[in-house]
Amino acid sequence: MSPGRPFEPLERATISERVRDEIHQRIAVGELAPGAALPAERVLAERFGVARTSIREAIQGLVALGVVVRRGNRSYVVEQVPGSLLAASDGGKRSLRALLEAWRILEVCTFELAAGRATARERNETLQLARRPVPAGLAAFVGTDREFHAGIAAACGNPVLTEIHGRVIDSLVATEDAAGLILGVGVGRSARVAIAQAAAEHLVIAEAYVAGEVPVMLEAVDRHLGHVRDRIRRLSHRLFPAVEGQVGRATRRTVGL
């Protein structure tokens, strides 16, 4: 057998656990609002293509996590979802979706400016970072990921944008759960696979950055950010197609895609 991509351990998760995780992440990103009713078990079973017993077990898991409450024969998202809001520096709260939207816009702006303004030293430092051995754990990779994105943003030559970009990133990676969501962990992907893909995308961006190939770099950045958008929208499309379409259109208008 010829050498190729190595096999990786499979994630051991039951169908009910996978359903639970998908609904949980939909709640976490604000696609399913606090107080909203979940579709009936029969409807969820049809949309997921699984037995109602798996849906029932998934909902029981969500109740145990404190994100769903049962009222009669219906299930509802609790009014205050644990972890659905991230703490802001001013003591307030910011939704994960709002942070993601801000991050995508700031990434495009700062990376485009950096592509034309960064010094050779700044470009090489970014490439060296992208070529480092990839950390195995999610917590370790979060630090590397933040350093990569913040480093390019700092080279944009606009201290105001750099500061805002840094605050948004700090809020996004404030918890491992949020960072895992950004990378797509739990949506049919293990932490190992998600980290490997993000690291590979970093390297493509860095190589184009050093070579001064601005169009190539920006295309790679768009793909990198597009994966983030698609991972979150995947849940919306599967469970609530109409809402997903509205979110997608709003996102495209926001970032000009």
C-alpha atoms as a PDB file:
ATOM      1  CA  MET A   1       0.000   0.000   0.000  1.00  0.00           C
ATOM      2  CA  SER A   2       1.516   3.313  -1.065  1.00  0.00           C
ATOM      3  CA  PRO A   3       2.091   5.971   1.600  1.00  0.00           C
ATOM      4  CA  GLY A   4      -0.484   8.714   1.787  1.00  0.00           C
ATOM      5  CA  ARG A   5      -2.547  10.625   4.260  1.00  0.00           C
ATOM      6  CA  PRO A   6      -2.385   8.694   7.563  1.00  0.00           C
ATOM      7  CA  PHE A   7      -5.487   7.218   9.098  1.00  0.00           C
ATOM      8  CA  GLU A   8      -6.770   8.981  12.203  1.00  0.00           C
ATOM      9  CA  PRO A   9      -8.722   7.694  15.200  1.00  0.00           C
ATOM     10  CA  LEU A  10     -12.476   7.991  14.789  1.00  0.00           C
ATOM     11  CA  GLU A  11     -14.525   9.972  17.228  1.00  0.00           C
ATOM     12  CA  ARG A  12     -16.678   7.600  19.289  1.00  0.00           C
ATOM     13  CA  ALA A  13     -20.057   9.268  19.576  1.00  0.00           C
ATOM     14  CA  THR A  14     -23.567   7.897  19.480  1.00  0.00           C
ATOM     15  CA  ILE A  15     -26.170   9.260  17.089  1.00  0.00           C
ATOM     16  CA  SER A  16     -27.981  10.963  19.960  1.00  0.00           C
ATOM     17  CA  GLU A  17     -24.744  12.662  21.061  1.00  0.00           C
ATOM     18  CA  ARG A  18     -24.132  13.989  17.542  1.00  0.00           C
ATOM     19  CA  VAL A  19     -27.690  15.310  17.353  1.00  0.00           C
ATOM     20  CA  ARG A  20     -27.316  16.871  20.796  1.00  0.00           C
ATOM     21  CA  ASP A  21     -24.045  18.570  19.781  1.00  0.00           C
ATOM     22  CA  GLU A  22     -25.490  20.000  16.574  1.00  0.00           C
ATOM     23  CA  ILE A  23     -28.525  21.485  18.327  1.00  0.00           C
ATOM     24  CA  HIS A  24     -26.329  22.725  21.175  1.00  0.00           C
ATOM     25  CA  GLN A  25     -24.036  24.600  18.789  1.00  0.00           C
ATOM     26  CA  ARG A  26     -27.048  26.053  16.967  1.00  0.00           C
ATOM     27  CA  ILE A  27     -28.177  27.451  20.313  1.00  0.00           C
ATOM     28  CA  ALA A  28     -24.648  28.641  21.183  1.00  0.00           C
ATOM     29  CA  VAL A  29     -24.301  30.801  18.051  1.00  0.00           C
ATOM     30  CA  GLY A  30     -27.715  32.387  18.552  1.00  0.00           C
ATOM     31  CA  GLU A  31     -29.439  30.746  15.575  1.00  0.00           C
ATOM     32  CA  LEU A  32     -32.006  29.373  17.991  1.00  0.00           C
ATOM     33  CA  ALA A  33     -32.924  32.228  20.315  1.00  0.00           C
ATOM     34  CA  PRO A  34     -33.479  32.013  24.080  1.00  0.00           C
ATOM     35  CA  GLY A  35     -37.075  31.036  24.779  1.00  0.00           C
ATOM     36  CA  ALA A  36     -37.611  29.580  21.298  1.00  0.00           C
ATOM     37  CA  ALA A  37     -39.398  26.274  20.917  1.00  0.00           C
ATOM     38  CA  LEU A  38     -37.542  23.351  19.408  1.00  0.00           C
ATOM     39  CA  PRO A  39     -39.289  21.581  16.545  1.00  0.00           C
ATOM     40  CA  ALA A  40     -41.323  18.551  17.570  1.00  0.00           C
ATOM     41  CA  GLU A  41     -39.427  15.292  18.031  1.00  0.00           C
ATOM     42  CA  ARG A  42     -41.080  13.878  14.897  1.00  0.00           C
ATOM     43  CA  VAL A  43     -39.895  16.853  12.827  1.00  0.00           C
ATOM     44  CA  LEU A  44     -36.346  16.670  14.182  1.00  0.00           C
ATOM     45  CA  ALA A  45     -36.238  12.948  13.527  1.00  0.00           C
ATOM     46  CA  GLU A  46     -37.216  13.522   9.894  1.00  0.00           C
ATOM     47  CA  ARG A  47     -34.688  16.327   9.388  1.00  0.00           C
ATOM     48  CA  PHE A  48     -31.816  14.396  10.964  1.00  0.00           C
ATOM     49  CA  GLY A  49     -32.898  11.110   9.418  1.00  0.00           C
ATOM     50  CA  VAL A  50     -32.744   9.266  12.743  1.00  0.00           C
ATOM     51  CA  ALA A  51     -35.135   7.488  15.093  1.00  0.00           C
ATOM     52  CA  ARG A  52     -37.248   9.473  17.530  1.00  0.00           C
ATOM     53  CA  THR A  53     -35.579   7.651  20.416  1.00  0.00           C
ATOM     54  CA  SER A  54     -32.262   9.263  19.399  1.00  0.00           C
ATOM     55  CA  ILE A  55     -33.928  12.693  19.315  1.00  0.00           C
ATOM     56  CA  ARG A  56     -35.448  12.082  22.733  1.00  0.00           C
ATOM     57  CA  GLU A  57     -32.058  11.112  24.178  1.00  0.00           C
ATOM     58  CA  ALA A  58     -30.432  14.162  22.568  1.00  0.00           C
ATOM     59  CA  ILE A  59     -33.002  16.493  24.127  1.00  0.00           C
ATOM     60  CA  GLN A  60     -32.515  14.835  27.505  1.00  0.00           C
ATOM     61  CA  GLY A  61     -28.807  15.577  27.121  1.00  0.00           C
ATOM     62  CA  LEU A  62     -29.566  19.221  26.337  1.00  0.00           C
ATOM     63  CA  VAL A  63     -31.785  19.423  29.424  1.00  0.00           C
ATOM     64  CA  ALA A  64     -28.921  18.011  31.500  1.00  0.00           C
ATOM     65  CA  LEU A  65     -26.602  20.684  30.058  1.00  0.00           C
ATOM     66  CA  GLY A  66     -29.034  23.375  31.151  1.00  0.00           C
ATOM     67  CA  VAL A  67     -29.702  24.796  27.691  1.00  0.00           C
ATOM     68  CA  VAL A  68     -33.146  23.296  27.104  1.00  0.00           C
ATOM     69  CA  VAL A  69     -36.182  23.001  29.371  1.00  0.00           C
ATOM     70  CA  ARG A  70     -39.232  20.750  28.995  1.00  0.00           C
ATOM     71  CA  ARG A  71     -42.720  22.238  29.272  1.00  0.00           C
ATOM     72  CA  GLY A  72     -45.404  19.651  28.833  1.00  0.00           C
ATOM     73  CA  ASN A  73     -44.629  17.726  25.671  1.00  0.00           C
ATOM     74  CA  ARG A  74     -42.517  20.507  24.088  1.00  0.00           C
ATOM     75  CA  SER A  75     -38.899  21.582  24.527  1.00  0.00           C
ATOM     76  CA  TYR A  76     -37.699  25.185  24.706  1.00  0.00           C
ATOM     77  CA  VAL A  77     -34.338  26.937  24.797  1.00  0.00           C
ATOM     78  CA  VAL A  78     -33.833  28.404  28.254  1.00  0.00           C
ATOM     79  CA  GLU A  79     -34.145  32.178  28.585  1.00  0.00           C
ATOM     80  CA  GLN A  80     -30.468  32.568  29.549  1.00  0.00           C
ATOM     81  CA  VAL A  81     -28.249  30.116  27.680  1.00  0.00           C
ATOM     82  CA  PRO A  82     -25.030  29.210  29.557  1.00  0.00           C
ATOM     83  CA  GLY A  83     -22.027  30.097  27.424  1.00  0.00           C
ATOM     84  CA  SER A  84     -24.071  31.699  24.623  1.00  0.00           C
ATOM     85  CA  LEU A  85     -22.796  35.134  25.615  1.00  0.00           C
ATOM     86  CA  LEU A  86     -19.164  36.081  26.066  1.00  0.00           C
ATOM     87  CA  ALA A  87     -18.031  38.636  28.608  1.00  0.00           C
ATOM     88  CA  ALA A  88     -16.999  42.025  27.236  1.00  0.00           C
ATOM     89  CA  SER A  89     -14.217  44.177  28.655  1.00  0.00           C
ATOM     90  CA  ASP A  90     -16.765  46.754  29.805  1.00  0.00           C
ATOM     91  CA  GLY A  91     -18.633  44.174  31.879  1.00  0.00           C
ATOM     92  CA  GLY A  92     -21.409  43.719  29.327  1.00  0.00           C
ATOM     93  CA  LYS A  93     -22.129  40.769  27.102  1.00  0.00           C
ATOM     94  CA  ARG A  94     -21.611  40.199  23.414  1.00  0.00           C
ATOM     95  CA  SER A  95     -23.174  37.394  21.400  1.00  0.00           C
ATOM     96  CA  LEU A  96     -20.921  34.962  19.625  1.00  0.00           C
ATOM     97  CA  ARG A  97     -22.597  35.685  16.307  1.00  0.00           C
ATOM     98  CA  ALA A  98     -21.954  39.433  16.645  1.00  0.00           C
ATOM     99  CA  LEU A  99     -18.307  38.761  17.435  1.00  0.00           C
ATOM    100  CA  LEU A 100     -17.945  36.452  14.444  1.00  0.00           C
ATOM    101  CA  GLU A 101     -19.437  39.040  12.105  1.00  0.00           C
ATOM    102  CA  ALA A 102     -17.109  41.727  13.429  1.00  0.00           C
ATOM    103  CA  TRP A 103     -14.121  39.383  13.195  1.00  0.00           C
ATOM    104  CA  ARG A 104     -14.759  38.505   9.552  1.00  0.00           C
ATOM    105  CA  ILE A 105     -15.060  42.155   8.544  1.00  0.00           C
ATOM    106  CA  LEU A 106     -11.937  43.175  10.477  1.00  0.00           C
ATOM    107  CA  GLU A 107      -9.922  40.254   9.100  1.00  0.00           C
ATOM    108  CA  VAL A 108     -10.655  41.245   5.513  1.00  0.00           C
ATOM    109  CA  CYS A 109      -9.822  44.913   6.141  1.00  0.00           C
ATOM    110  CA  THR A 110      -6.654  44.442   8.175  1.00  0.00           C
ATOM    111  CA  PHE A 111      -5.246  41.609   6.048  1.00  0.00           C
ATOM    112  CA  GLU A 112      -5.776  43.567   2.839  1.00  0.00           C
ATOM    113  CA  LEU A 113      -3.982  46.586   4.306  1.00  0.00           C
ATOM    114  CA  ALA A 114      -1.178  44.426   5.695  1.00  0.00           C
ATOM    115  CA  ALA A 115      -0.686  42.799   2.283  1.00  0.00           C
ATOM    116  CA  GLY A 116       0.397  46.163   0.940  1.00  0.00           C
ATOM    117  CA  ARG A 117       2.076  47.712   3.989  1.00  0.00           C
ATOM    118  CA  ALA A 118       3.877  44.970   5.929  1.00  0.00           C
ATOM    119  CA  THR A 119       7.667  44.978   6.096  1.00  0.00           C
ATOM    120  CA  ALA A 120       9.756  42.010   4.949  1.00  0.00           C
ATOM    121  CA  ARG A 121      10.506  41.213   8.582  1.00  0.00           C
ATOM    122  CA  GLU A 122       6.830  41.144   9.549  1.00  0.00           C
ATOM    123  CA  ARG A 123       6.043  38.866   6.604  1.00  0.00           C
ATOM    124  CA  ASN A 124       8.861  36.455   7.433  1.00  0.00           C
ATOM    125  CA  GLU A 125       7.851  36.285  11.091  1.00  0.00           C
ATOM    126  CA  THR A 126       4.359  35.269  10.003  1.00  0.00           C
ATOM    127  CA  LEU A 127       5.735  32.564   7.718  1.00  0.00           C
ATOM    128  CA  GLN A 128       7.969  31.203  10.465  1.00  0.00           C
ATOM    129  CA  LEU A 129       4.972  31.010  12.797  1.00  0.00           C
ATOM    130  CA  ALA A 130       2.917  29.153  10.184  1.00  0.00           C
ATOM    131  CA  ARG A 131       5.765  26.654   9.705  1.00  0.00           C
ATOM    132  CA  ARG A 132       6.067  25.743  13.381  1.00  0.00           C
ATOM    133  CA  PRO A 133       5.002  22.259  14.450  1.00  0.00           C
ATOM    134  CA  VAL A 134       1.242  22.222  14.852  1.00  0.00           C
ATOM    135  CA  PRO A 135       0.125  21.939  18.507  1.00  0.00           C
ATOM    136  CA  ALA A 136      -1.810  18.758  19.211  1.00  0.00           C
ATOM    137  CA  GLY A 137      -4.337  20.179  21.660  1.00  0.00           C
ATOM    138  CA  LEU A 138      -7.085  22.725  21.076  1.00  0.00           C
ATOM    139  CA  ALA A 139      -6.038  24.957  23.985  1.00  0.00           C
ATOM    140  CA  ALA A 140      -2.447  25.151  22.692  1.00  0.00           C
ATOM    141  CA  PHE A 141      -3.517  25.808  19.113  1.00  0.00           C
ATOM    142  CA  VAL A 142      -5.817  28.640  20.165  1.00  0.00           C
ATOM    143  CA  GLY A 143      -2.744  30.611  21.287  1.00  0.00           C
ATOM    144  CA  THR A 144      -0.940  29.961  18.000  1.00  0.00           C
ATOM    145  CA  ASP A 145      -4.057  30.868  16.010  1.00  0.00           C
ATOM    146  CA  ARG A 146      -4.454  34.146  17.877  1.00  0.00           C
ATOM    147  CA  GLU A 147      -0.783  35.005  17.359  1.00  0.00           C
ATOM    148  CA  PHE A 148      -1.039  34.338  13.618  1.00  0.00           C
ATOM    149  CA  HIS A 149      -4.120  36.480  13.018  1.00  0.00           C
ATOM    150  CA  ALA A 150      -3.074  39.267  15.382  1.00  0.00           C
ATOM    151  CA  GLY A 151       0.408  39.407  13.846  1.00  0.00           C
ATOM    152  CA  ILE A 152      -0.889  40.114  10.350  1.00  0.00           C
ATOM    153  CA  ALA A 153      -3.472  42.593  11.651  1.00  0.00           C
ATOM    154  CA  ALA A 154      -0.730  44.479  13.537  1.00  0.00           C
ATOM    155  CA  ALA A 155       1.093  45.002  10.226  1.00  0.00           C
ATOM    156  CA  CYS A 156      -1.863  46.809   8.646  1.00  0.00           C
ATOM    157  CA  GLY A 157      -0.457  50.192   9.685  1.00  0.00           C
ATOM    158  CA  ASN A 158      -3.694  51.329  11.358  1.00  0.00           C
ATOM    159  CA  PRO A 159      -3.445  51.190  15.175  1.00  0.00           C
ATOM    160  CA  VAL A 160      -7.180  51.733  15.648  1.00  0.00           C
ATOM    161  CA  LEU A 161      -8.107  48.742  13.495  1.00  0.00           C
ATOM    162  CA  THR A 162      -5.376  46.681  15.138  1.00  0.00           C
ATOM    163  CA  GLU A 163      -6.686  47.433  18.628  1.00  0.00           C
ATOM    164  CA  ILE A 164     -10.301  46.649  17.740  1.00  0.00           C
ATOM    165  CA  HIS A 165      -9.238  43.475  15.955  1.00  0.00           C
ATOM    166  CA  GLY A 166      -7.305  42.365  19.052  1.00  0.00           C
ATOM    167  CA  ARG A 167     -10.256  42.938  21.349  1.00  0.00           C
ATOM    168  CA  VAL A 168     -12.577  40.943  19.125  1.00  0.00           C
ATOM    169  CA  ILE A 169     -10.126  38.033  18.925  1.00  0.00           C
ATOM    170  CA  ASP A 170      -9.609  38.052  22.689  1.00  0.00           C
ATOM    171  CA  SER A 171     -13.368  37.828  23.198  1.00  0.00           C
ATOM    172  CA  LEU A 172     -13.687  35.026  20.644  1.00  0.00           C
ATOM    173  CA  VAL A 173     -11.030  32.835  22.223  1.00  0.00           C
ATOM    174  CA  ALA A 174     -12.072  33.625  25.790  1.00  0.00           C
ATOM    175  CA  THR A 175     -13.372  30.099  26.201  1.00  0.00           C
ATOM    176  CA  GLU A 176     -12.234  26.815  24.695  1.00  0.00           C
ATOM    177  CA  ASP A 177     -15.815  26.031  23.678  1.00  0.00           C
ATOM    178  CA  ALA A 178     -16.050  29.205  21.598  1.00  0.00           C
ATOM    179  CA  ALA A 179     -12.645  28.607  20.027  1.00  0.00           C
ATOM    180  CA  GLY A 180     -13.641  25.038  19.224  1.00  0.00           C
ATOM    181  CA  LEU A 181     -16.813  26.256  17.554  1.00  0.00           C
ATOM    182  CA  ILE A 182     -14.830  28.640  15.342  1.00  0.00           C
ATOM    183  CA  LEU A 183     -12.653  25.745  14.182  1.00  0.00           C
ATOM    184  CA  GLY A 184     -15.654  23.496  13.615  1.00  0.00           C
ATOM    185  CA  VAL A 185     -14.987  21.046  16.435  1.00  0.00           C
ATOM    186  CA  GLY A 186     -18.057  18.974  17.218  1.00  0.00           C
ATOM    187  CA  VAL A 187     -19.730  19.419  13.819  1.00  0.00           C
ATOM    188  CA  GLY A 188     -18.648  16.047  12.534  1.00  0.00           C
ATOM    189  CA  ARG A 189     -15.004  17.027  13.087  1.00  0.00           C
ATOM    190  CA  SER A 190     -12.488  16.084  15.747  1.00  0.00           C
ATOM    191  CA  ALA A 191     -10.183  18.701  17.259  1.00  0.00           C
ATOM    192  CA  ARG A 192      -7.243  17.066  15.471  1.00  0.00           C
ATOM    193  CA  VAL A 193      -8.828  17.389  12.010  1.00  0.00           C
ATOM    194  CA  ALA A 194      -9.996  20.964  12.636  1.00  0.00           C
ATOM    195  CA  ILE A 195      -6.566  22.066  13.861  1.00  0.00           C
ATOM    196  CA  ALA A 196      -4.783  20.445  10.910  1.00  0.00           C
ATOM    197  CA  GLN A 197      -7.036  22.201   8.398  1.00  0.00           C
ATOM    198  CA  ALA A 198      -6.671  25.610  10.053  1.00  0.00           C
ATOM    199  CA  ALA A 199      -2.873  25.216  10.209  1.00  0.00           C
ATOM    200  CA  ALA A 200      -2.715  24.279   6.522  1.00  0.00           C
ATOM    201  CA  GLU A 201      -4.758  27.354   5.632  1.00  0.00           C
ATOM    202  CA  HIS A 202      -2.450  29.536   7.719  1.00  0.00           C
ATOM    203  CA  LEU A 203       0.535  28.287   5.732  1.00  0.00           C
ATOM    204  CA  VAL A 204      -1.082  29.089   2.380  1.00  0.00           C
ATOM    205  CA  ILE A 205      -1.901  32.607   3.574  1.00  0.00           C
ATOM    206  CA  ALA A 206       1.607  33.151   4.957  1.00  0.00           C
ATOM    207  CA  GLU A 207       3.371  31.951   1.801  1.00  0.00           C
ATOM    208  CA  ALA A 208       1.346  34.304  -0.401  1.00  0.00           C
ATOM    209  CA  TYR A 209       1.909  37.097   2.147  1.00  0.00           C
ATOM    210  CA  VAL A 210       5.697  36.705   1.961  1.00  0.00           C
ATOM    211  CA  ALA A 211       5.682  36.404  -1.836  1.00  0.00           C
ATOM    212  CA  GLY A 212       3.699  39.623  -2.139  1.00  0.00           C
ATOM    213  CA  GLU A 213       0.956  37.832  -4.056  1.00  0.00           C
ATOM    214  CA  VAL A 214      -1.899  39.967  -2.779  1.00  0.00           C
ATOM    215  CA  PRO A 215      -4.770  38.438  -4.824  1.00  0.00           C
ATOM    216  CA  VAL A 216      -3.665  34.918  -3.875  1.00  0.00           C
ATOM    217  CA  MET A 217      -3.391  35.877  -0.217  1.00  0.00           C
ATOM    218  CA  LEU A 218      -6.818  37.511  -0.093  1.00  0.00           C
ATOM    219  CA  GLU A 219      -8.395  34.542  -1.850  1.00  0.00           C
ATOM    220  CA  ALA A 220      -6.830  32.240   0.744  1.00  0.00           C
ATOM    221  CA  VAL A 221      -8.096  34.494   3.548  1.00  0.00           C
ATOM    222  CA  ASP A 222     -11.592  34.405   2.068  1.00  0.00           C
ATOM    223  CA  ARG A 223     -11.493  30.600   1.952  1.00  0.00           C
ATOM    224  CA  HIS A 224     -10.219  30.512   5.529  1.00  0.00           C
ATOM    225  CA  LEU A 225     -13.049  32.743   6.745  1.00  0.00           C
ATOM    226  CA  GLY A 226     -15.533  30.992   4.504  1.00  0.00           C
ATOM    227  CA  HIS A 227     -14.908  27.728   6.319  1.00  0.00           C
ATOM    228  CA  VAL A 228     -15.867  29.444   9.578  1.00  0.00           C
ATOM    229  CA  ARG A 229     -19.084  30.754   8.049  1.00  0.00           C
ATOM    230  CA  ASP A 230     -19.960  27.438   6.445  1.00  0.00           C
ATOM    231  CA  ARG A 231     -19.378  25.437   9.635  1.00  0.00           C
ATOM    232  CA  ILE A 232     -21.893  27.569  11.492  1.00  0.00           C
ATOM    233  CA  ARG A 233     -24.401  27.842   8.632  1.00  0.00           C
ATOM    234  CA  ARG A 234     -24.378  24.060   8.180  1.00  0.00           C
ATOM    235  CA  LEU A 235     -26.413  23.687  11.350  1.00  0.00           C
ATOM    236  CA  SER A 236     -28.946  26.312  10.250  1.00  0.00           C
ATOM    237  CA  HIS A 237     -29.414  24.733   6.835  1.00  0.00           C
ATOM    238  CA  ARG A 238     -29.988  21.290   8.290  1.00  0.00           C
ATOM    239  CA  LEU A 239     -32.498  22.235  10.951  1.00  0.00           C
ATOM    240  CA  PHE A 240     -34.034  25.541   9.831  1.00  0.00           C
ATOM    241  CA  PRO A 241     -33.495  26.192   6.076  1.00  0.00           C
ATOM    242  CA  ALA A 242     -35.556  29.391   5.951  1.00  0.00           C
ATOM    243  CA  VAL A 243     -33.648  31.047   8.792  1.00  0.00           C
ATOM    244  CA  GLU A 244     -30.325  29.908   7.339  1.00  0.00           C
ATOM    245  CA  GLY A 245     -31.114  31.642   4.059  1.00  0.00           C
ATOM    246  CA  GLN A 246     -31.845  34.913   5.831  1.00  0.00           C
ATOM    247  CA  VAL A 247     -28.607  34.695   7.831  1.00  0.00           C
ATOM    248  CA  GLY A 248     -26.585  33.878   4.717  1.00  0.00           C
ATOM    249  CA  ARG A 249     -27.970  36.835   2.774  1.00  0.00           C
ATOM    250  CA  ALA A 250     -27.297  39.210   5.651  1.00  0.00           C
ATOM    251  CA  THR A 251     -23.715  37.954   5.974  1.00  0.00           C
ATOM    252  CA  ARG A 252     -23.024  38.374   2.277  1.00  0.00           C
ATOM    253  CA  ARG A 253     -24.321  41.940   2.387  1.00  0.00           C
ATOM    254  CA  THR A 254     -22.148  42.690   5.406  1.00  0.00           C
ATOM    255  CA  VAL A 255     -18.838  41.500   4.027  1.00  0.00           C
ATOM    256  CA  GLY A 256     -19.482  42.141   0.362  1.00  0.00           C
ATOM    257  CA  LEU A 257     -19.265  38.508  -0.778  1.00  0.00           C
END
